[in-house]
Amino acid sequence: MRPINTAIIDIREETPSVRSFILDLSLDFIPGQYVMVWIRGVDEIPMSLSGSNMITVQKAGDATSALFGLGAGDTIGIRGPYGNGFDIRDPVLIVAGGVGAAPLAPLAEAACGMGYDMLTLLGARTQSELLFQQRFSDAGELMVATDDGSAGFHGQVTGLLDGAIDRYIYSCGPEPMMYALLLMLNDQELERARFSLHRYIKCGIGVCGACCIDPEGYRVCRDGPVFRGAELIDSEFGRYRRGADGVRS
């Protein structure tokens, strides 16, 4: 699939480190799916959709830094949507950390639209980095946690789980946070839990194998990025990952 040329029509400053880019196209997608974003002359990278015409980005490397240098009227290339997305079941528990809230906000809104019982646990390093707080609050009950205690619970977002774990669990965020959540779940809960993974993705269509995870060889680009907790409990998840050169880190 060749990239579709699309223009940036607006840019929103979501937090001091995160921006949303509004595009002049609307995609039919399942919450949790991603697109391949081509920043010309730099790289093509995967990004979760935070809306039908929106990607939400944290500056973290050459490609995202180049994207942050673009403005309204500039163009990028888009391929997708790709991946399997979230299967939404009632009642819903969202556990979101940092920019991992991006693919979970449309899930919360979809679940709310279905009339599902919604609870979101939203975490960040500090209050100013809490992403899409209003979107989650509008969709249902919201509890927040910050590492520095500047808002809500003082500590990791997993510290808010007491009494809420008997729901269908949907999580995205830093892998250590998600791994801590994974280890808190029993066998039944692992079947109800869904985790959105980030890996090095090149092709997006399951051909190159760059994003395969040990030991089953799941292709994150196609078999994921969303996986059941039971599929991850004996995998590399939370233990290591491979870079662009295939070396474990």
Protein backbone atom coordinates (compact mmCIF):
# COMPACT_ATOMS: atom_id res chain seq x y z
CA MET A 1 0.00 0.00 0.00
CA ARG A 2 1.40 3.38 -1.01
CA PRO A 3 1.16 6.34 1.40
CA ILE A 4 -1.72 8.75 0.94
CA ASN A 5 -0.64 12.37 0.88
CA THR A 6 -2.45 14.31 3.59
CA ALA A 7 -2.18 17.87 4.89
CA ILE A 8 -1.96 18.95 8.51
CA ILE A 9 -4.88 21.32 9.11
CA ASP A 10 -4.37 22.02 12.82
CA ILE A 11 -1.95 21.28 15.67
CA ARG A 12 -3.00 21.07 19.33
CA GLU A 13 -0.61 21.41 22.26
CA GLU A 14 -1.96 18.65 24.52
CA THR A 15 0.79 18.71 27.16
CA PRO A 16 4.26 20.30 27.34
CA SER A 17 5.67 17.27 25.48
CA VAL A 18 2.73 16.01 23.40
CA ARG A 19 0.98 17.41 20.32
CA SER A 20 -1.98 16.25 18.28
CA PHE A 21 -1.89 16.67 14.51
CA ILE A 22 -5.28 17.06 12.83
CA LEU A 23 -5.29 15.80 9.24
CA ASP A 24 -7.43 16.55 6.21
CA LEU A 25 -8.62 12.96 5.89
CA SER A 26 -10.94 10.79 7.98
CA LEU A 27 -10.18 7.10 8.48
CA ASP A 28 -12.57 4.31 9.40
CA PHE A 29 -10.70 2.60 12.24
CA ILE A 30 -11.03 0.41 15.31
CA PRO A 31 -9.65 2.01 18.50
CA GLY A 32 -6.15 0.63 19.00
CA GLN A 33 -5.25 0.47 15.32
CA TYR A 34 -2.32 2.49 14.00
CA VAL A 35 -1.07 4.14 10.83
CA MET A 36 2.37 4.32 9.27
CA VAL A 37 3.37 7.99 9.08
CA TRP A 38 5.90 9.05 6.47
CA ILE A 39 7.85 12.19 7.30
CA ARG A 40 9.51 12.91 4.01
CA GLY A 41 13.28 12.74 3.96
CA VAL A 42 13.41 11.39 7.51
CA ASP A 43 11.57 8.10 8.21
CA GLU A 44 8.28 6.22 8.26
CA ILE A 45 7.07 5.28 11.74
CA PRO A 46 3.95 3.75 13.34
CA MET A 47 1.59 5.99 15.29
CA SER A 48 -1.67 5.17 17.05
CA LEU A 49 -4.80 6.95 15.92
CA SER A 50 -6.26 9.16 18.65
CA GLY A 51 -9.21 10.02 16.39
CA SER A 52 -10.42 9.34 12.88
CA ASN A 53 -8.31 12.24 11.57
CA MET A 54 -5.78 12.66 14.37
CA ILE A 55 -2.43 11.32 15.55
CA THR A 56 -1.02 12.28 18.95
CA VAL A 57 2.74 12.40 19.24
CA GLN A 58 5.44 12.76 21.89
CA LYS A 59 8.81 14.03 20.68
CA ALA A 60 11.19 11.11 21.12
CA GLY A 61 13.52 10.79 18.12
CA ASP A 62 14.45 12.07 14.68
CA ALA A 63 11.09 11.39 13.04
CA THR A 64 8.92 12.84 15.80
CA SER A 65 11.26 15.83 16.12
CA ALA A 66 10.86 16.45 12.38
CA LEU A 67 7.09 16.12 12.73
CA PHE A 68 7.13 18.69 15.54
CA GLY A 69 8.87 21.03 13.09
CA LEU A 70 5.92 20.93 10.68
CA GLY A 71 2.99 23.33 10.70
CA ALA A 72 -0.53 23.69 9.35
CA GLY A 73 -0.48 23.28 5.57
CA ASP A 74 2.53 20.94 5.56
CA THR A 75 1.98 17.40 4.30
CA ILE A 76 2.87 13.89 5.42
CA GLY A 77 2.19 10.41 4.04
CA ILE A 78 -0.24 7.99 5.72
CA ARG A 79 -0.62 4.21 5.28
CA GLY A 80 -3.27 2.20 7.10
CA PRO A 81 -5.06 1.75 9.42
CA TYR A 82 -3.23 -1.44 10.38
CA GLY A 83 -3.41 -3.95 13.21
CA ASN A 84 -6.21 -5.59 15.15
CA GLY A 85 -7.43 -2.91 17.59
CA PHE A 86 -9.40 -3.46 20.80
CA ASP A 87 -12.46 -5.70 21.17
CA ILE A 88 -14.63 -3.64 23.52
CA ARG A 89 -16.60 -5.48 26.19
CA ASP A 90 -18.59 -4.35 29.22
CA PRO A 91 -17.62 -3.31 31.90
CA VAL A 92 -14.49 -1.44 30.82
CA LEU A 93 -11.35 -0.60 32.78
CA ILE A 94 -8.75 1.53 30.99
CA VAL A 95 -5.24 1.75 32.45
CA ALA A 96 -3.36 4.48 30.58
CA GLY A 97 0.10 5.90 31.09
CA GLY A 98 1.63 8.95 29.42
CA VAL A 99 1.16 9.16 25.65
CA GLY A 100 -0.29 5.63 25.81
CA ALA A 101 -3.58 7.41 26.49
CA ALA A 102 -3.73 8.28 22.76
CA PRO A 103 -5.24 5.01 21.42
CA LEU A 104 -7.34 4.56 24.57
CA ALA A 105 -9.28 7.85 24.36
CA PRO A 106 -11.26 6.76 21.26
CA LEU A 107 -11.87 3.40 22.99
CA ALA A 108 -13.35 5.22 26.00
CA GLU A 109 -15.59 7.30 23.73
CA ALA A 110 -16.73 4.24 21.78
CA ALA A 111 -17.51 2.34 24.99
CA CYS A 112 -19.44 5.33 26.33
CA GLY A 113 -21.43 5.48 23.09
CA MET A 114 -22.34 1.80 23.56
CA GLY A 115 -23.64 2.55 27.05
CA TYR A 116 -20.91 0.53 28.75
CA ASP A 117 -19.78 1.04 32.34
CA MET A 118 -16.52 2.98 32.01
CA LEU A 119 -13.65 3.51 34.46
CA THR A 120 -10.33 5.04 33.44
CA LEU A 121 -7.14 5.05 35.49
CA LEU A 122 -4.91 7.72 33.96
CA GLY A 123 -1.28 8.15 34.95
CA ALA A 124 1.57 10.52 34.10
CA ARG A 125 4.84 11.82 35.53
CA THR A 126 3.22 15.07 36.62
CA GLN A 127 -0.12 16.88 36.40
CA SER A 128 0.73 18.85 33.27
CA GLU A 129 1.46 15.60 31.37
CA LEU A 130 -1.96 14.00 32.01
CA LEU A 131 -3.19 13.39 28.46
CA PHE A 132 -6.84 13.66 27.33
CA GLN A 133 -8.09 14.03 30.89
CA GLN A 134 -11.29 15.75 29.69
CA ARG A 135 -12.02 13.12 27.04
CA PHE A 136 -11.80 10.32 29.60
CA SER A 137 -13.84 12.26 32.14
CA ASP A 138 -16.59 12.90 29.59
CA ALA A 139 -16.71 9.15 28.80
CA GLY A 140 -17.12 7.89 32.37
CA GLU A 141 -15.50 7.71 35.80
CA LEU A 142 -11.88 8.91 35.92
CA MET A 143 -9.16 8.46 38.53
CA VAL A 144 -5.68 9.93 38.07
CA ALA A 145 -2.21 9.19 39.42
CA THR A 146 1.04 11.13 39.10
CA ASP A 147 4.55 10.02 39.92
CA ASP A 148 5.26 13.27 41.77
CA GLY A 149 1.88 13.52 43.53
CA SER A 150 0.93 16.79 41.81
CA ALA A 151 -2.53 15.40 40.97
CA GLY A 152 -4.56 12.47 42.28
CA PHE A 153 -2.86 9.41 43.71
CA HIS A 154 0.85 9.83 44.47
CA GLY A 155 2.52 6.93 42.68
CA GLN A 156 2.15 4.56 39.76
CA VAL A 157 -1.26 4.27 38.12
CA THR A 158 -1.34 0.56 39.00
CA GLY A 159 -1.71 1.69 42.61
CA LEU A 160 -5.33 2.59 41.80
CA LEU A 161 -6.34 -0.95 40.80
CA ASP A 162 -7.83 -2.14 44.11
CA GLY A 163 -11.45 -3.21 43.59
CA ALA A 164 -11.44 -2.45 39.85
CA ILE A 165 -9.74 -5.49 38.38
CA ASP A 166 -12.94 -7.53 37.80
CA ARG A 167 -13.54 -5.70 34.49
CA TYR A 168 -12.29 -6.06 30.95
CA ILE A 169 -8.90 -4.37 31.08
CA TYR A 170 -7.40 -2.24 28.29
CA SER A 171 -3.92 -0.82 28.75
CA CYS A 172 -1.33 1.20 26.87
CA GLY A 173 1.64 3.14 28.16
CA PRO A 174 5.25 2.60 29.21
CA GLU A 175 6.07 -1.10 29.05
CA PRO A 176 7.29 -1.31 32.69
CA MET A 177 3.87 0.02 33.77
CA MET A 178 2.00 -2.51 31.62
CA TYR A 179 4.30 -5.33 32.75
CA ALA A 180 3.59 -4.48 36.39
CA LEU A 181 -0.12 -4.67 35.57
CA LEU A 182 0.34 -7.99 33.77
CA LEU A 183 2.01 -9.54 36.83
CA MET A 184 -0.91 -8.48 39.04
CA LEU A 185 -3.42 -10.58 37.07
CA ASN A 186 -4.54 -14.16 37.62
CA ASP A 187 -5.28 -16.56 34.74
CA GLN A 188 -8.90 -15.46 34.37
CA GLU A 189 -7.97 -11.79 34.44
CA LEU A 190 -5.20 -12.34 31.87
CA GLU A 191 -7.86 -13.57 29.43
CA ARG A 192 -9.87 -10.38 30.00
CA ALA A 193 -6.88 -8.05 29.65
CA ARG A 194 -5.72 -6.36 26.45
CA PHE A 195 -2.33 -4.67 26.06
CA SER A 196 -1.24 -2.42 23.20
CA LEU A 197 2.46 -3.00 22.42
CA HIS A 198 5.06 -0.72 20.91
CA ARG A 199 7.78 -2.39 18.84
CA TYR A 200 10.06 -1.43 15.95
CA ILE A 201 7.75 -1.66 12.92
CA LYS A 202 9.00 -1.28 9.35
CA CYS A 203 6.45 -2.62 6.88
CA GLY A 204 3.18 -2.60 8.84
CA ILE A 205 1.81 -5.59 6.89
CA GLY A 206 3.55 -8.59 8.45
CA VAL A 207 6.16 -9.20 5.76
CA CYS A 208 9.56 -8.11 7.09
CA GLY A 209 9.47 -9.67 10.58
CA ALA A 210 11.21 -6.74 12.28
CA CYS A 211 8.53 -6.51 14.96
CA CYS A 212 8.28 -10.22 15.87
CA ILE A 213 8.28 -10.98 19.57
CA ASP A 214 9.78 -14.02 21.30
CA PRO A 215 9.08 -16.90 21.65
CA GLU A 216 5.89 -17.31 19.54
CA GLY A 217 6.97 -14.99 16.74
CA TYR A 218 3.83 -12.86 16.89
CA ARG A 219 4.07 -9.97 14.44
CA VAL A 220 3.14 -6.86 16.40
CA CYS A 221 2.27 -5.00 13.20
CA ARG A 222 -0.33 -7.54 12.13
CA ASP A 223 -1.11 -9.93 15.01
CA GLY A 224 -1.16 -6.89 17.29
CA PRO A 225 -0.54 -4.25 18.35
CA VAL A 226 -3.22 -5.39 20.81
CA PHE A 227 -2.63 -8.72 22.58
CA ARG A 228 -4.38 -10.67 25.31
CA GLY A 229 -2.50 -10.79 28.59
CA ALA A 230 -2.43 -14.59 28.32
CA GLU A 231 -0.46 -14.30 25.06
CA LEU A 232 2.18 -12.12 26.72
CA ILE A 233 2.75 -13.70 30.12
CA ASP A 234 5.52 -16.03 28.88
CA SER A 235 6.88 -13.71 26.18
CA GLU A 236 9.64 -11.11 25.97
CA PHE A 237 7.10 -8.46 27.03
CA GLY A 238 8.45 -6.45 29.94
CA ARG A 239 11.78 -8.26 29.84
CA TYR A 240 13.51 -7.04 26.67
CA ARG A 241 12.90 -5.90 23.10
CA ARG A 242 14.85 -5.68 19.86
CA GLY A 243 16.01 -2.52 18.10
CA ALA A 244 16.28 -1.73 14.40
CA ASP A 245 19.34 -3.98 14.18
CA GLY A 246 17.55 -6.93 15.80
CA VAL A 247 19.75 -6.86 18.90
CA ARG A 248 18.08 -7.41 22.27
CA SER A 249 18.01 -4.45 24.63
